[in-house]
Protein backbone atom coordinates (compact mmCIF):
# COMPACT_ATOMS: atom_id res chain seq x y z
CA UNK A 1 -107.42 -38.36 87.73
CA UNK A 2 -104.00 -38.86 89.30
CA UNK A 3 -101.16 -36.85 87.76
CA UNK A 4 -98.41 -38.72 85.94
CA UNK A 5 -94.99 -37.11 86.34
CA UNK A 6 -92.42 -39.88 86.81
CA UNK A 7 -92.74 -43.60 87.34
CA UNK A 8 -90.11 -46.03 88.55
CA UNK A 9 -91.54 -49.48 88.29
CA UNK A 10 -91.08 -53.18 87.82
CA UNK A 11 -91.57 -54.32 84.23
CA UNK A 12 -93.65 -57.35 83.23
CA UNK A 13 -93.53 -58.87 79.72
CA UNK A 14 -96.53 -60.00 77.68
CA UNK A 15 -95.22 -61.45 74.43
CA UNK A 16 -98.31 -61.81 72.28
CA UNK A 17 -99.28 -60.04 69.08
CA UNK A 18 -102.67 -58.39 68.54
CA UNK A 19 -103.85 -58.65 72.15
CA UNK A 20 -107.49 -57.62 71.89
CA UNK A 21 -109.71 -56.05 74.49
CA UNK A 22 -111.65 -59.30 74.97
CA UNK A 23 -108.42 -60.94 76.12
CA UNK A 24 -107.62 -57.97 78.33
CA UNK A 25 -111.05 -58.13 80.00
CA UNK A 26 -113.52 -60.78 78.77
CA UNK A 27 -117.09 -59.67 78.08
CA UNK A 28 -118.67 -61.66 80.93
CA UNK A 29 -117.05 -59.30 83.44
CA UNK A 30 -118.46 -56.06 82.02
CA UNK A 31 -121.48 -55.97 84.34
CA UNK A 32 -119.98 -53.72 87.02
CA UNK A 33 -120.94 -50.06 87.09
CA UNK A 34 -117.76 -48.86 88.84
CA UNK A 35 -114.34 -48.39 87.25
CA UNK A 36 -112.70 -50.46 90.00
CA UNK A 37 -112.64 -54.18 90.67
CA UNK A 38 -111.69 -55.26 87.16
CA UNK A 39 -108.04 -56.02 87.91
CA UNK A 40 -108.84 -59.48 89.23
CA UNK A 41 -110.24 -60.40 85.80
CA UNK A 42 -107.37 -58.98 83.72
CA UNK A 43 -106.21 -61.51 81.08
CA UNK A 44 -108.63 -63.92 82.75
CA UNK A 45 -108.55 -66.66 80.09
CA UNK A 46 -104.74 -66.67 80.15
CA UNK A 47 -104.13 -66.09 83.85
CA UNK A 48 -106.33 -68.90 85.14
CA UNK A 49 -106.83 -72.57 84.43
CA UNK A 50 -110.24 -73.99 83.51
CA UNK A 51 -111.60 -73.72 87.06
CA UNK A 52 -111.26 -69.92 86.92
CA UNK A 53 -109.43 -69.89 90.27
CA UNK A 54 -106.08 -71.61 89.85
CA UNK A 55 -103.34 -69.45 88.36
CA UNK A 56 -101.93 -70.82 85.12
CA UNK A 57 -98.22 -71.49 85.79
CA UNK A 58 -97.46 -71.24 82.06
CA UNK A 59 -98.69 -67.63 81.81
CA UNK A 60 -95.58 -65.49 82.21
CA UNK A 61 -97.25 -62.63 84.06
CA UNK A 62 -98.18 -65.09 86.84
CA UNK A 63 -94.51 -65.62 87.73
CA UNK A 64 -93.78 -64.33 91.26
CA UNK A 65 -90.96 -62.14 89.91
CA UNK A 66 -93.50 -59.92 88.12
CA UNK A 67 -95.83 -59.32 91.07
CA UNK A 68 -96.41 -55.65 91.64
CA UNK A 69 -95.34 -54.64 88.14
CA UNK A 70 -96.51 -51.18 87.09
CA UNK A 71 -95.06 -51.18 83.56
CA UNK A 72 -96.28 -53.63 80.92
CA UNK A 73 -94.08 -54.54 77.98
CA UNK A 74 -96.18 -55.61 75.00
CA UNK A 75 -96.07 -56.34 71.28
CA UNK A 76 -97.67 -54.89 68.14
CA UNK A 77 -101.30 -53.78 67.95
CA UNK A 78 -101.95 -54.03 71.67
CA UNK A 79 -105.57 -53.24 72.59
CA UNK A 80 -107.19 -54.06 69.26
CA UNK A 81 -110.78 -55.27 68.97
CA UNK A 82 -113.77 -53.61 70.59
CA UNK A 83 -113.67 -50.10 72.03
CA UNK A 84 -114.56 -51.13 75.58
CA UNK A 85 -113.16 -48.70 78.14
CA UNK A 86 -113.14 -51.53 80.67
CA UNK A 87 -109.80 -52.68 79.20
CA UNK A 88 -107.80 -49.71 80.54
CA UNK A 89 -109.85 -49.87 83.74
CA UNK A 90 -108.72 -53.48 84.25
CA UNK A 91 -105.08 -52.74 83.46
CA UNK A 92 -105.04 -49.72 85.78
CA UNK A 93 -106.88 -51.56 88.57
CA UNK A 94 -104.34 -54.39 88.33
CA UNK A 95 -101.56 -51.84 88.89
CA UNK A 96 -100.21 -50.92 85.45
CA UNK A 97 -99.56 -47.19 84.92
CA UNK A 98 -97.61 -47.42 81.66
CA UNK A 99 -97.48 -49.73 78.63
CA UNK A 100 -94.60 -49.92 76.14
CA UNK A 101 -95.21 -51.44 72.71
CA UNK A 102 -94.42 -50.84 69.02
CA UNK A 103 -98.07 -49.98 68.28
CA UNK A 104 -101.51 -49.71 69.87
CA UNK A 105 -105.07 -49.75 68.59
CA UNK A 106 -106.26 -46.15 68.27
CA UNK A 107 -109.39 -46.24 70.43
CA UNK A 108 -107.64 -48.20 73.17
CA UNK A 109 -104.74 -45.74 73.04
CA UNK A 110 -107.02 -42.77 73.67
CA UNK A 111 -109.06 -44.60 76.31
CA UNK A 112 -105.87 -45.23 78.30
CA UNK A 113 -104.94 -41.54 78.33
CA UNK A 114 -108.53 -40.75 79.40
CA UNK A 115 -107.87 -42.95 82.42
CA UNK A 116 -104.43 -41.68 83.44
CA UNK A 117 -102.24 -44.32 81.79
CA UNK A 118 -99.18 -43.52 79.70
CA UNK A 119 -98.76 -45.49 76.48
CA UNK A 120 -95.36 -45.27 74.80
CA UNK A 121 -94.59 -46.37 71.26
CA UNK A 122 -91.03 -47.62 70.72
CA UNK A 123 -89.41 -49.26 67.68
CA UNK A 124 -89.89 -53.02 67.45
CA UNK A 125 -86.17 -53.74 67.84
CA UNK A 126 -86.06 -51.64 71.02
CA UNK A 127 -89.05 -53.51 72.45
CA UNK A 128 -87.40 -56.84 71.57
CA UNK A 129 -84.23 -55.78 73.38
CA UNK A 130 -86.25 -54.77 76.44
CA UNK A 131 -87.95 -58.19 76.46
CA UNK A 132 -84.49 -59.80 76.55
CA UNK A 133 -83.31 -57.53 79.37
CA UNK A 134 -86.46 -58.03 81.46
CA UNK A 135 -86.16 -61.80 81.27
CA UNK A 136 -82.42 -61.79 81.92
CA UNK A 137 -82.62 -59.75 85.12
CA UNK A 138 -85.14 -60.42 87.88
CA UNK A 139 -86.46 -57.22 89.40
CA UNK A 140 -85.86 -55.28 86.18
CA UNK A 141 -87.13 -51.71 86.56
CA UNK A 142 -87.48 -48.73 84.30
CA UNK A 143 -87.85 -45.07 85.26
CA UNK A 144 -90.15 -43.05 83.03
CA UNK A 145 -89.78 -39.27 83.14
CA UNK A 146 -92.76 -37.75 81.37
CA UNK A 147 -91.59 -34.09 81.44
CA UNK A 148 -88.29 -35.10 79.78
CA UNK A 149 -89.93 -37.86 77.70
CA UNK A 150 -87.21 -40.35 78.61
CA UNK A 151 -87.02 -43.90 79.91
CA UNK A 152 -84.01 -44.77 82.07
CA UNK A 153 -82.79 -48.35 82.07
CA UNK A 154 -81.02 -50.05 84.99
CA UNK A 155 -77.60 -49.51 83.34
CA UNK A 156 -78.19 -45.75 83.27
CA UNK A 157 -78.79 -45.47 79.54
CA UNK A 158 -81.93 -43.67 78.39
CA UNK A 159 -84.47 -44.02 75.63
CA UNK A 160 -86.37 -41.02 74.27
CA UNK A 161 -90.01 -41.25 73.26
CA UNK A 162 -92.45 -39.05 71.36
CA UNK A 163 -95.84 -38.00 72.68
CA UNK A 164 -98.42 -35.52 71.45
CA UNK A 165 -98.12 -32.31 73.54
CA UNK A 166 -101.86 -32.36 74.36
CA UNK A 167 -101.70 -35.89 75.78
CA UNK A 168 -98.57 -35.03 77.75
CA UNK A 169 -100.23 -31.95 79.23
CA UNK A 170 -103.30 -33.96 80.22
CA UNK A 171 -101.27 -36.54 82.13
CA UNK A 172 -99.00 -33.99 83.79
CA UNK A 173 -102.06 -32.12 85.08
CA UNK A 174 -104.24 -35.14 85.80
CA UNK A 175 -106.99 -33.95 83.48
CA UNK A 176 -109.60 -36.50 82.48
CA UNK A 177 -112.51 -35.49 80.22
CA UNK A 178 -114.30 -33.78 83.11
CA UNK A 179 -111.10 -32.02 84.17
CA UNK A 180 -110.65 -30.68 80.65
CA UNK A 181 -114.16 -29.23 80.77
CA UNK A 182 -113.70 -27.72 84.23
CA UNK A 183 -110.75 -25.68 82.96
CA UNK A 184 -113.48 -23.52 81.36
CA UNK A 185 -115.69 -23.37 84.44
CA UNK A 186 -115.67 -19.54 84.58
CA UNK A 187 -116.74 -19.24 80.95
CA UNK A 188 -119.44 -21.89 81.44
CA UNK A 189 -120.77 -20.04 84.49
CA UNK A 190 -120.77 -16.72 82.59
CA UNK A 191 -122.64 -18.34 79.69
CA UNK A 192 -125.26 -19.80 82.04
CA UNK A 193 -125.67 -16.50 83.88
CA UNK A 194 -126.06 -14.54 80.65
CA UNK A 195 -128.88 -16.85 79.59
CA UNK A 196 -130.59 -17.00 82.98
CA UNK A 197 -129.60 -20.62 83.51
CA UNK A 198 -127.69 -20.07 86.75
């Protein structure tokens, strides 16, 4: 898993409450066995018109000004619904590395960290202010510094955020579930050797 240290990126807004994992990646696209290739189906029912090919001009994320965004600005309870891990796969494959919202569904929250994405909870009024700033200034970027746990805005002001030390350590080191296990590789090998398994 790629390490997450700092990220300076374009911000895209998605102003919808209770965005569930079926909206993030609809069930009909869960047939792939790889983690890649899901980005094209992200927010499929919102991004495309009925033909499934033409971009919906009324869906804000389709605006040219948000192409290449790596930070998603969202609303309360983002990622609710089923526990499908394909949702963070689709978001990551599309290009998002961080999501800012007042709250996230628990399973989705953990699945994102398992896949190298940083989720940051901020107060609702702060998120609302960021929505205003993003829409007022084309090319709006934020700089996220994970070691310092700060977010720098274009005007130079910063926002602090909280994060569990274990989750922070995982991202800084690029440890997915396998990486966490491999930290104990010597002890695993010694255990196997002692029992004649190696």
